[in-house]
Amino acid sequence: MVTNVNLIVGTTHNNAPINMSVKRAAVDLIKDGTYDQGLINKIEMCYRAYDPCLSCATHFLDGKFALKIDILNHNGELVDILQNF
């Protein structure tokens, strides 16, 4: 019988690098305010690189990774939302 466990969960351990990769992808992929729905696929790759379990654990029954992206301007104001659900 297990009485004490200390888990190091990949999602928690990799949270900072995931966030940095998502930010870098957004900066690299959004040019002059132009972006498209394909941005979702590229952002999803940032998650899968660090934590393949998160993307599988949070997908819908149709096999999509549920992802919502808030597009902010340089002042941090919301200008658009991309989502695949």
C-alpha atoms as a PDB file:
ATOM      1  CA  MET A   1       0.000   0.000   0.000  1.00  0.00           C
ATOM      2  CA  VAL A   2       1.287   3.444  -0.940  1.00  0.00           C
ATOM      3  CA  THR A   3       1.068   5.896   1.931  1.00  0.00           C
ATOM      4  CA  ASN A   4       3.041   8.874   0.601  1.00  0.00           C
ATOM      5  CA  VAL A   5       3.748   9.998  -2.964  1.00  0.00           C
ATOM      6  CA  ASN A   6       5.563  12.987  -4.410  1.00  0.00           C
ATOM      7  CA  LEU A   7       4.730  13.377  -8.104  1.00  0.00           C
ATOM      8  CA  ILE A   8       6.598  15.568 -10.546  1.00  0.00           C
ATOM      9  CA  VAL A   9       3.980  16.176 -13.223  1.00  0.00           C
ATOM     10  CA  GLY A  10       5.259  17.105 -16.671  1.00  0.00           C
ATOM     11  CA  THR A  11       2.711  19.867 -17.166  1.00  0.00           C
ATOM     12  CA  THR A  12       3.753  21.643 -13.970  1.00  0.00           C
ATOM     13  CA  HIS A  13       7.458  21.077 -14.553  1.00  0.00           C
ATOM     14  CA  ASN A  14       7.283  22.337 -18.155  1.00  0.00           C
ATOM     15  CA  ASN A  15       4.871  25.226 -17.662  1.00  0.00           C
ATOM     16  CA  ALA A  16       7.486  27.984 -18.046  1.00  0.00           C
ATOM     17  CA  PRO A  17       9.078  26.572 -21.229  1.00  0.00           C
ATOM     18  CA  ILE A  18       5.620  25.921 -22.724  1.00  0.00           C
ATOM     19  CA  ASN A  19       4.646  29.545 -22.106  1.00  0.00           C
ATOM     20  CA  MET A  20       7.912  30.829 -23.570  1.00  0.00           C
ATOM     21  CA  SER A  21       7.484  28.688 -26.682  1.00  0.00           C
ATOM     22  CA  VAL A  22       3.892  29.821 -27.198  1.00  0.00           C
ATOM     23  CA  LYS A  23       4.913  33.468 -26.853  1.00  0.00           C
ATOM     24  CA  ARG A  24       7.840  33.038 -29.252  1.00  0.00           C
ATOM     25  CA  ALA A  25       5.594  31.294 -31.787  1.00  0.00           C
ATOM     26  CA  ALA A  26       3.025  34.084 -31.563  1.00  0.00           C
ATOM     27  CA  VAL A  27       5.676  36.772 -32.016  1.00  0.00           C
ATOM     28  CA  ASP A  28       7.201  34.929 -34.971  1.00  0.00           C
ATOM     29  CA  LEU A  29       3.912  33.973 -36.653  1.00  0.00           C
ATOM     30  CA  ILE A  30       1.821  37.138 -36.294  1.00  0.00           C
ATOM     31  CA  LYS A  31       3.245  39.658 -38.747  1.00  0.00           C
ATOM     32  CA  ASP A  32       1.766  43.153 -39.194  1.00  0.00           C
ATOM     33  CA  GLY A  33      -1.374  42.017 -37.392  1.00  0.00           C
ATOM     34  CA  THR A  34      -1.913  39.220 -39.922  1.00  0.00           C
ATOM     35  CA  TYR A  35      -2.676  35.687 -38.782  1.00  0.00           C
ATOM     36  CA  ASP A  36      -5.049  32.877 -39.656  1.00  0.00           C
ATOM     37  CA  GLN A  37      -6.592  29.730 -38.229  1.00  0.00           C
ATOM     38  CA  GLY A  38      -3.349  27.865 -39.044  1.00  0.00           C
ATOM     39  CA  LEU A  39      -1.820  29.633 -36.056  1.00  0.00           C
ATOM     40  CA  ILE A  40      -3.746  27.210 -33.828  1.00  0.00           C
ATOM     41  CA  ASN A  41      -1.872  24.220 -35.272  1.00  0.00           C
ATOM     42  CA  LYS A  42       1.502  25.846 -34.740  1.00  0.00           C
ATOM     43  CA  ILE A  43       0.687  26.836 -31.160  1.00  0.00           C
ATOM     44  CA  GLU A  44      -0.528  23.287 -30.493  1.00  0.00           C
ATOM     45  CA  MET A  45       2.914  22.024 -31.530  1.00  0.00           C
ATOM     46  CA  CYS A  46       4.424  24.079 -28.705  1.00  0.00           C
ATOM     47  CA  TYR A  47       2.366  22.126 -26.194  1.00  0.00           C
ATOM     48  CA  ARG A  48       3.023  18.736 -27.748  1.00  0.00           C
ATOM     49  CA  ALA A  49       6.794  19.299 -27.758  1.00  0.00           C
ATOM     50  CA  TYR A  50       6.868  19.537 -23.965  1.00  0.00           C
ATOM     51  CA  ASP A  51       3.803  17.656 -22.830  1.00  0.00           C
ATOM     52  CA  PRO A  52       2.167  15.182 -25.210  1.00  0.00           C
ATOM     53  CA  CYS A  53      -0.074  13.931 -22.401  1.00  0.00           C
ATOM     54  CA  LEU A  54      -1.717  17.331 -21.885  1.00  0.00           C
ATOM     55  CA  SER A  55      -2.834  17.552 -25.477  1.00  0.00           C
ATOM     56  CA  CYS A  56      -4.260  14.030 -25.403  1.00  0.00           C
ATOM     57  CA  ALA A  57      -5.920  14.463 -22.021  1.00  0.00           C
ATOM     58  CA  THR A  58      -7.728  17.649 -23.014  1.00  0.00           C
ATOM     59  CA  HIS A  59      -8.965  16.834 -26.522  1.00  0.00           C
ATOM     60  CA  PHE A  60     -12.588  16.518 -27.515  1.00  0.00           C
ATOM     61  CA  LEU A  61     -14.142  13.317 -28.756  1.00  0.00           C
ATOM     62  CA  ASP A  62     -13.512  14.310 -32.371  1.00  0.00           C
ATOM     63  CA  GLY A  63      -9.764  14.205 -31.743  1.00  0.00           C
ATOM     64  CA  LYS A  64      -9.099  17.938 -31.661  1.00  0.00           C
ATOM     65  CA  PHE A  65      -6.899  19.519 -29.038  1.00  0.00           C
ATOM     66  CA  ALA A  66      -9.150  22.182 -27.480  1.00  0.00           C
ATOM     67  CA  LEU A  67      -7.256  25.424 -27.886  1.00  0.00           C
ATOM     68  CA  LYS A  68      -8.304  29.049 -27.464  1.00  0.00           C
ATOM     69  CA  ILE A  69      -5.896  31.830 -28.394  1.00  0.00           C
ATOM     70  CA  ASP A  70      -6.468  35.421 -27.299  1.00  0.00           C
ATOM     71  CA  ILE A  71      -4.823  37.847 -29.736  1.00  0.00           C
ATOM     72  CA  LEU A  72      -3.693  40.998 -27.913  1.00  0.00           C
ATOM     73  CA  ASN A  73      -2.319  44.222 -29.336  1.00  0.00           C
ATOM     74  CA  HIS A  74       0.835  45.911 -28.074  1.00  0.00           C
ATOM     75  CA  ASN A  75      -1.203  47.542 -25.270  1.00  0.00           C
ATOM     76  CA  GLY A  76      -2.471  44.176 -24.066  1.00  0.00           C
ATOM     77  CA  GLU A  77      -5.997  44.820 -25.372  1.00  0.00           C
ATOM     78  CA  LEU A  78      -7.961  41.906 -26.807  1.00  0.00           C
ATOM     79  CA  VAL A  79      -8.377  42.240 -30.579  1.00  0.00           C
ATOM     80  CA  ASP A  80      -9.458  38.720 -31.567  1.00  0.00           C
ATOM     81  CA  ILE A  81     -10.010  35.176 -30.351  1.00  0.00           C
ATOM     82  CA  LEU A  82      -9.059  32.050 -32.275  1.00  0.00           C
ATOM     83  CA  GLN A  83     -10.397  28.702 -31.133  1.00  0.00           C
ATOM     84  CA  ASN A  84     -10.929  25.277 -32.579  1.00  0.00           C
ATOM     85  CA  PHE A  85     -13.928  24.182 -30.518  1.00  0.00           C
END
